[in-house]
Amino acid sequence: MKSPLLFFNTDARILAGIKQGDESALVTLYEANRRPITAYVTRNNGTPDDADDMVQESLIVLWERVRTGRYEHTSAIGTFLFATARNLWLRRLARRRREQPLAPSHQDQPAGDPSPLEAMLEEEDTVCVRDALERLGDPCRALLVQFYWEEESMEEIARRLGFANAATAKSKKYQCKEQLKRLMTTSASGHERA
């Protein structure tokens, strides 16, 4: 196994190359990270083409962040690329699920339109989440919105909301999420009684 210092030196050379616009750094990263990302995507309902897209998209994210000065080197570049590819893939899977056509038994419904029952349930869920977020208050509401809807990093959230560091923000996110779940449960039971 390579020493941590060797990882740092390799990453430092690659980051310096990206800052200078050296695209060969991307080739090096592509070759080093293609296999683990491909394995992850293909194990999770993806094709090799999907995996290749995820590798390329995560490299673009890294390239843009480094070039704009928004990349924080807190772990190995390979770790960053894998996490980015995983997040991109999970979003794509979620989008695919939302876009899937209705089952054949619902052919009388126009494609993509939910049934009246599905629309009602979705509206109730939306109202439940909105009510719970309103009752949650800040800083929890701000933290959850920034993380889940604005997709900001824990580092950015910690900076914006004045937490000591990303680990503190992550711990607070867990507490806030649990509090939101409790509020949603009470909100849902309140809607059932109404």
C-alpha atoms as a PDB file:
ATOM      1  CA  MET A   1       0.000   0.000   0.000  1.00  0.00           C
ATOM      2  CA  LYS A   2       1.226   3.493  -0.860  1.00  0.00           C
ATOM      3  CA  SER A   3       2.096   5.819   1.972  1.00  0.00           C
ATOM      4  CA  PRO A   4      -0.251   8.773   2.598  1.00  0.00           C
ATOM      5  CA  LEU A   5       2.593  11.123   1.659  1.00  0.00           C
ATOM      6  CA  LEU A   6       2.816   9.515  -1.793  1.00  0.00           C
ATOM      7  CA  PHE A   7      -0.944   9.995  -2.273  1.00  0.00           C
ATOM      8  CA  PHE A   8      -0.551  13.645  -1.326  1.00  0.00           C
ATOM      9  CA  ASN A   9       2.366  14.157  -3.717  1.00  0.00           C
ATOM     10  CA  THR A  10       0.511  12.522  -6.617  1.00  0.00           C
ATOM     11  CA  ASP A  11      -2.629  14.542  -5.910  1.00  0.00           C
ATOM     12  CA  ALA A  12      -0.571  17.739  -5.608  1.00  0.00           C
ATOM     13  CA  ARG A  13       1.005  17.121  -9.038  1.00  0.00           C
ATOM     14  CA  ILE A  14      -2.406  16.431 -10.584  1.00  0.00           C
ATOM     15  CA  LEU A  15      -3.978  19.522  -9.003  1.00  0.00           C
ATOM     16  CA  ALA A  16      -1.074  21.664 -10.200  1.00  0.00           C
ATOM     17  CA  GLY A  17      -1.562  20.254 -13.702  1.00  0.00           C
ATOM     18  CA  ILE A  18      -5.280  21.052 -13.678  1.00  0.00           C
ATOM     19  CA  LYS A  19      -4.598  24.608 -12.455  1.00  0.00           C
ATOM     20  CA  GLN A  20      -2.212  25.027 -15.400  1.00  0.00           C
ATOM     21  CA  GLY A  21      -4.816  23.644 -17.821  1.00  0.00           C
ATOM     22  CA  ASP A  22      -2.918  20.407 -18.459  1.00  0.00           C
ATOM     23  CA  GLU A  23      -5.580  17.998 -19.713  1.00  0.00           C
ATOM     24  CA  SER A  24      -3.211  15.024 -19.387  1.00  0.00           C
ATOM     25  CA  ALA A  25      -3.981  15.205 -15.651  1.00  0.00           C
ATOM     26  CA  LEU A  26      -7.566  14.271 -16.532  1.00  0.00           C
ATOM     27  CA  VAL A  27      -6.374  11.288 -18.549  1.00  0.00           C
ATOM     28  CA  THR A  28      -4.360  10.102 -15.548  1.00  0.00           C
ATOM     29  CA  LEU A  29      -7.386  10.520 -13.264  1.00  0.00           C
ATOM     30  CA  TYR A  30      -9.679   8.808 -15.768  1.00  0.00           C
ATOM     31  CA  GLU A  31      -7.448   5.757 -15.978  1.00  0.00           C
ATOM     32  CA  ALA A  32      -6.971   5.578 -12.205  1.00  0.00           C
ATOM     33  CA  ASN A  33     -10.654   5.973 -11.297  1.00  0.00           C
ATOM     34  CA  ARG A  34     -12.593   4.345 -14.156  1.00  0.00           C
ATOM     35  CA  ARG A  35     -12.599   0.842 -12.676  1.00  0.00           C
ATOM     36  CA  PRO A  36     -14.090   1.556  -9.198  1.00  0.00           C
ATOM     37  CA  ILE A  37     -16.706   3.944 -10.594  1.00  0.00           C
ATOM     38  CA  THR A  38     -17.669   1.485 -13.342  1.00  0.00           C
ATOM     39  CA  ALA A  39     -17.999  -1.298 -10.766  1.00  0.00           C
ATOM     40  CA  TYR A  40     -20.254   0.872  -8.593  1.00  0.00           C
ATOM     41  CA  VAL A  41     -22.518   2.056 -11.421  1.00  0.00           C
ATOM     42  CA  THR A  42     -22.899  -1.374 -13.035  1.00  0.00           C
ATOM     43  CA  ARG A  43     -23.708  -2.952  -9.642  1.00  0.00           C
ATOM     44  CA  ASN A  44     -26.421  -0.309  -9.228  1.00  0.00           C
ATOM     45  CA  ASN A  45     -28.537  -0.763 -12.374  1.00  0.00           C
ATOM     46  CA  GLY A  46     -26.200   1.014 -14.763  1.00  0.00           C
ATOM     47  CA  THR A  47     -24.520   0.092 -18.019  1.00  0.00           C
ATOM     48  CA  PRO A  48     -20.837   0.522 -18.883  1.00  0.00           C
ATOM     49  CA  ASP A  49     -21.867   3.584 -20.947  1.00  0.00           C
ATOM     50  CA  ASP A  50     -23.605   5.048 -17.889  1.00  0.00           C
ATOM     51  CA  ALA A  51     -20.453   4.417 -15.876  1.00  0.00           C
ATOM     52  CA  ASP A  52     -18.305   6.137 -18.485  1.00  0.00           C
ATOM     53  CA  ASP A  53     -20.647   9.155 -18.323  1.00  0.00           C
ATOM     54  CA  MET A  54     -20.300   9.275 -14.540  1.00  0.00           C
ATOM     55  CA  VAL A  55     -16.494   9.145 -14.714  1.00  0.00           C
ATOM     56  CA  GLN A  56     -16.443  11.969 -17.240  1.00  0.00           C
ATOM     57  CA  GLU A  57     -19.004  14.096 -15.387  1.00  0.00           C
ATOM     58  CA  SER A  58     -17.149  13.730 -12.070  1.00  0.00           C
ATOM     59  CA  LEU A  59     -13.899  14.741 -13.806  1.00  0.00           C
ATOM     60  CA  ILE A  60     -15.650  17.837 -15.179  1.00  0.00           C
ATOM     61  CA  VAL A  61     -16.872  18.744 -11.679  1.00  0.00           C
ATOM     62  CA  LEU A  62     -13.326  18.390 -10.317  1.00  0.00           C
ATOM     63  CA  TRP A  63     -11.805  20.353 -13.227  1.00  0.00           C
ATOM     64  CA  GLU A  64     -14.278  23.238 -12.794  1.00  0.00           C
ATOM     65  CA  ARG A  65     -13.866  23.377  -9.021  1.00  0.00           C
ATOM     66  CA  VAL A  66     -10.077  23.377  -9.192  1.00  0.00           C
ATOM     67  CA  ARG A  67     -10.000  25.981 -11.976  1.00  0.00           C
ATOM     68  CA  THR A  68     -12.408  28.293 -10.092  1.00  0.00           C
ATOM     69  CA  GLY A  69     -10.661  27.803  -6.731  1.00  0.00           C
ATOM     70  CA  ARG A  70     -13.660  26.070  -5.096  1.00  0.00           C
ATOM     71  CA  TYR A  71     -11.962  22.682  -4.615  1.00  0.00           C
ATOM     72  CA  GLU A  72     -10.898  21.879  -1.048  1.00  0.00           C
ATOM     73  CA  HIS A  73      -8.295  19.120  -0.921  1.00  0.00           C
ATOM     74  CA  THR A  74      -9.460  17.369   2.262  1.00  0.00           C
ATOM     75  CA  SER A  75      -9.181  13.791   0.965  1.00  0.00           C
ATOM     76  CA  ALA A  76      -7.607  11.883  -1.911  1.00  0.00           C
ATOM     77  CA  ILE A  77      -8.782  13.051  -5.336  1.00  0.00           C
ATOM     78  CA  GLY A  78      -9.955   9.502  -6.069  1.00  0.00           C
ATOM     79  CA  THR A  79     -12.238   9.671  -3.015  1.00  0.00           C
ATOM     80  CA  PHE A  80     -13.693  12.971  -4.234  1.00  0.00           C
ATOM     81  CA  LEU A  81     -14.259  11.582  -7.752  1.00  0.00           C
ATOM     82  CA  PHE A  82     -15.921   8.404  -6.482  1.00  0.00           C
ATOM     83  CA  ALA A  83     -18.231  10.332  -4.136  1.00  0.00           C
ATOM     84  CA  THR A  84     -19.110  12.786  -6.917  1.00  0.00           C
ATOM     85  CA  ALA A  85     -19.810   9.974  -9.391  1.00  0.00           C
ATOM     86  CA  ARG A  86     -21.920   8.145  -6.800  1.00  0.00           C
ATOM     87  CA  ASN A  87     -23.994  11.268  -6.079  1.00  0.00           C
ATOM     88  CA  LEU A  88     -24.455  12.000  -9.786  1.00  0.00           C
ATOM     89  CA  TRP A  89     -25.501   8.391 -10.416  1.00  0.00           C
ATOM     90  CA  LEU A  90     -27.993   8.349  -7.538  1.00  0.00           C
ATOM     91  CA  ARG A  91     -29.566  11.572  -8.867  1.00  0.00           C
ATOM     92  CA  ARG A  92     -29.805  10.085 -12.349  1.00  0.00           C
ATOM     93  CA  LEU A  93     -31.461   6.930 -10.968  1.00  0.00           C
ATOM     94  CA  ALA A  94     -33.958   9.035  -9.025  1.00  0.00           C
ATOM     95  CA  ARG A  95     -34.730  11.061 -12.164  1.00  0.00           C
ATOM     96  CA  ARG A  96     -35.227   7.846 -14.161  1.00  0.00           C
ATOM     97  CA  ARG A  97     -37.667   6.528 -11.554  1.00  0.00           C
ATOM     98  CA  ARG A  98     -39.688   9.742 -11.738  1.00  0.00           C
ATOM     99  CA  GLU A  99     -39.714   9.604 -15.542  1.00  0.00           C
ATOM    100  CA  GLN A 100     -40.717   5.939 -15.905  1.00  0.00           C
ATOM    101  CA  PRO A 101     -44.015   5.426 -17.737  1.00  0.00           C
ATOM    102  CA  LEU A 102     -47.076   4.299 -15.830  1.00  0.00           C
ATOM    103  CA  ALA A 103     -47.914   0.604 -15.629  1.00  0.00           C
ATOM    104  CA  PRO A 104     -49.985  -0.819 -18.536  1.00  0.00           C
ATOM    105  CA  SER A 105     -53.112  -0.984 -16.323  1.00  0.00           C
ATOM    106  CA  HIS A 106     -53.127   2.844 -16.337  1.00  0.00           C
ATOM    107  CA  GLN A 107     -53.096   3.249 -20.122  1.00  0.00           C
ATOM    108  CA  ASP A 108     -56.142   5.500 -19.930  1.00  0.00           C
ATOM    109  CA  GLN A 109     -53.958   8.089 -18.142  1.00  0.00           C
ATOM    110  CA  PRO A 110     -51.876  10.383 -20.365  1.00  0.00           C
ATOM    111  CA  ALA A 111     -48.163   9.443 -20.160  1.00  0.00           C
ATOM    112  CA  GLY A 112     -46.462  11.092 -17.208  1.00  0.00           C
ATOM    113  CA  ASP A 113     -49.676  12.284 -15.540  1.00  0.00           C
ATOM    114  CA  PRO A 114     -50.292  10.795 -12.106  1.00  0.00           C
ATOM    115  CA  SER A 115     -53.612   9.181 -11.320  1.00  0.00           C
ATOM    116  CA  PRO A 116     -55.954  11.310  -9.179  1.00  0.00           C
ATOM    117  CA  LEU A 117     -55.067   9.170  -6.151  1.00  0.00           C
ATOM    118  CA  GLU A 118     -51.317   9.514  -6.793  1.00  0.00           C
ATOM    119  CA  ALA A 119     -51.692  13.278  -7.256  1.00  0.00           C
ATOM    120  CA  MET A 120     -53.606  13.563  -3.992  1.00  0.00           C
ATOM    121  CA  LEU A 121     -51.011  11.514  -2.083  1.00  0.00           C
ATOM    122  CA  GLU A 122     -48.152  13.502  -3.587  1.00  0.00           C
ATOM    123  CA  GLU A 123     -49.857  16.781  -2.645  1.00  0.00           C
ATOM    124  CA  GLU A 124     -50.378  15.520   0.919  1.00  0.00           C
ATOM    125  CA  ASP A 125     -46.689  14.570   1.139  1.00  0.00           C
ATOM    126  CA  THR A 126     -45.671  18.008  -0.141  1.00  0.00           C
ATOM    127  CA  VAL A 127     -47.925  19.762   2.358  1.00  0.00           C
ATOM    128  CA  CYS A 128     -46.621  17.528   5.168  1.00  0.00           C
ATOM    129  CA  VAL A 129     -42.972  18.317   4.336  1.00  0.00           C
ATOM    130  CA  ARG A 130     -43.673  22.044   3.930  1.00  0.00           C
ATOM    131  CA  ASP A 131     -45.560  22.198   7.260  1.00  0.00           C
ATOM    132  CA  ALA A 132     -42.816  20.287   9.062  1.00  0.00           C
ATOM    133  CA  LEU A 133     -40.101  22.548   7.605  1.00  0.00           C
ATOM    134  CA  GLU A 134     -42.034  25.649   8.697  1.00  0.00           C
ATOM    135  CA  ARG A 135     -42.273  24.327  12.258  1.00  0.00           C
ATOM    136  CA  LEU A 136     -38.648  23.189  12.236  1.00  0.00           C
ATOM    137  CA  GLY A 137     -37.238  26.711  12.240  1.00  0.00           C
ATOM    138  CA  ASP A 138     -33.671  27.837  11.712  1.00  0.00           C
ATOM    139  CA  PRO A 139     -30.854  26.831  11.636  1.00  0.00           C
ATOM    140  CA  CYS A 140     -32.266  23.360  10.871  1.00  0.00           C
ATOM    141  CA  ARG A 141     -34.524  24.542   8.051  1.00  0.00           C
ATOM    142  CA  ALA A 142     -31.670  26.471   6.403  1.00  0.00           C
ATOM    143  CA  LEU A 143     -29.252  23.560   6.819  1.00  0.00           C
ATOM    144  CA  LEU A 144     -31.610  20.980   5.288  1.00  0.00           C
ATOM    145  CA  VAL A 145     -32.620  23.245   2.413  1.00  0.00           C
ATOM    146  CA  GLN A 146     -28.986  24.042   1.607  1.00  0.00           C
ATOM    147  CA  PHE A 147     -27.974  20.381   1.734  1.00  0.00           C
ATOM    148  CA  TYR A 148     -30.905  18.623   0.032  1.00  0.00           C
ATOM    149  CA  TRP A 149     -32.291  21.259  -2.348  1.00  0.00           C
ATOM    150  CA  GLU A 150     -29.336  23.507  -3.057  1.00  0.00           C
ATOM    151  CA  GLU A 151     -26.908  20.537  -2.867  1.00  0.00           C
ATOM    152  CA  GLU A 152     -24.211  22.496  -1.061  1.00  0.00           C
ATOM    153  CA  SER A 153     -21.246  20.780   0.561  1.00  0.00           C
ATOM    154  CA  MET A 154     -20.973  20.397   4.314  1.00  0.00           C
ATOM    155  CA  GLU A 155     -17.958  22.728   4.207  1.00  0.00           C
ATOM    156  CA  GLU A 156     -20.008  25.458   2.521  1.00  0.00           C
ATOM    157  CA  ILE A 157     -22.946  24.945   4.901  1.00  0.00           C
ATOM    158  CA  ALA A 158     -20.639  25.127   7.930  1.00  0.00           C
ATOM    159  CA  ARG A 159     -19.166  28.378   6.615  1.00  0.00           C
ATOM    160  CA  ARG A 160     -22.550  29.946   5.813  1.00  0.00           C
ATOM    161  CA  LEU A 161     -24.271  28.932   9.034  1.00  0.00           C
ATOM    162  CA  GLY A 162     -21.313  29.538  11.332  1.00  0.00           C
ATOM    163  CA  PHE A 163     -20.600  25.947  12.426  1.00  0.00           C
ATOM    164  CA  ALA A 164     -17.085  25.119  13.621  1.00  0.00           C
ATOM    165  CA  ASN A 165     -16.422  22.726  10.727  1.00  0.00           C
ATOM    166  CA  ALA A 166     -18.027  20.298   8.248  1.00  0.00           C
ATOM    167  CA  ALA A 167     -18.177  17.499  10.847  1.00  0.00           C
ATOM    168  CA  THR A 168     -20.210  19.710  13.182  1.00  0.00           C
ATOM    169  CA  ALA A 169     -22.550  20.650  10.322  1.00  0.00           C
ATOM    170  CA  LYS A 170     -22.954  16.968   9.422  1.00  0.00           C
ATOM    171  CA  SER A 171     -23.827  16.068  13.010  1.00  0.00           C
ATOM    172  CA  LYS A 172     -26.338  18.923  13.134  1.00  0.00           C
ATOM    173  CA  LYS A 173     -27.832  17.767   9.796  1.00  0.00           C
ATOM    174  CA  TYR A 174     -28.514  14.342  11.305  1.00  0.00           C
ATOM    175  CA  GLN A 175     -30.205  15.909  14.345  1.00  0.00           C
ATOM    176  CA  CYS A 176     -32.260  18.219  12.135  1.00  0.00           C
ATOM    177  CA  LYS A 177     -33.315  15.365   9.860  1.00  0.00           C
ATOM    178  CA  GLU A 178     -34.502  13.337  12.843  1.00  0.00           C
ATOM    179  CA  GLN A 179     -36.407  16.343  14.174  1.00  0.00           C
ATOM    180  CA  LEU A 180     -37.998  16.856  10.720  1.00  0.00           C
ATOM    181  CA  LYS A 181     -39.079  13.184  10.643  1.00  0.00           C
ATOM    182  CA  ARG A 182     -40.763  13.586  14.032  1.00  0.00           C
ATOM    183  CA  LEU A 183     -42.525  16.751  12.894  1.00  0.00           C
ATOM    184  CA  MET A 184     -43.656  15.053   9.666  1.00  0.00           C
ATOM    185  CA  THR A 185     -45.081  12.147  11.662  1.00  0.00           C
ATOM    186  CA  THR A 186     -47.105  14.490  13.853  1.00  0.00           C
ATOM    187  CA  SER A 187     -48.111  16.547  10.803  1.00  0.00           C
ATOM    188  CA  ALA A 188     -49.230  13.416   8.922  1.00  0.00           C
ATOM    189  CA  SER A 189     -51.285  12.182  11.881  1.00  0.00           C
ATOM    190  CA  GLY A 190     -52.857  15.640  12.136  1.00  0.00           C
ATOM    191  CA  HIS A 191     -53.851  15.542   8.451  1.00  0.00           C
ATOM    192  CA  GLU A 192     -55.382  12.085   8.909  1.00  0.00           C
ATOM    193  CA  ARG A 193     -57.622  13.377  11.712  1.00  0.00           C
ATOM    194  CA  ALA A 194     -58.692  16.402   9.660  1.00  0.00           C
END
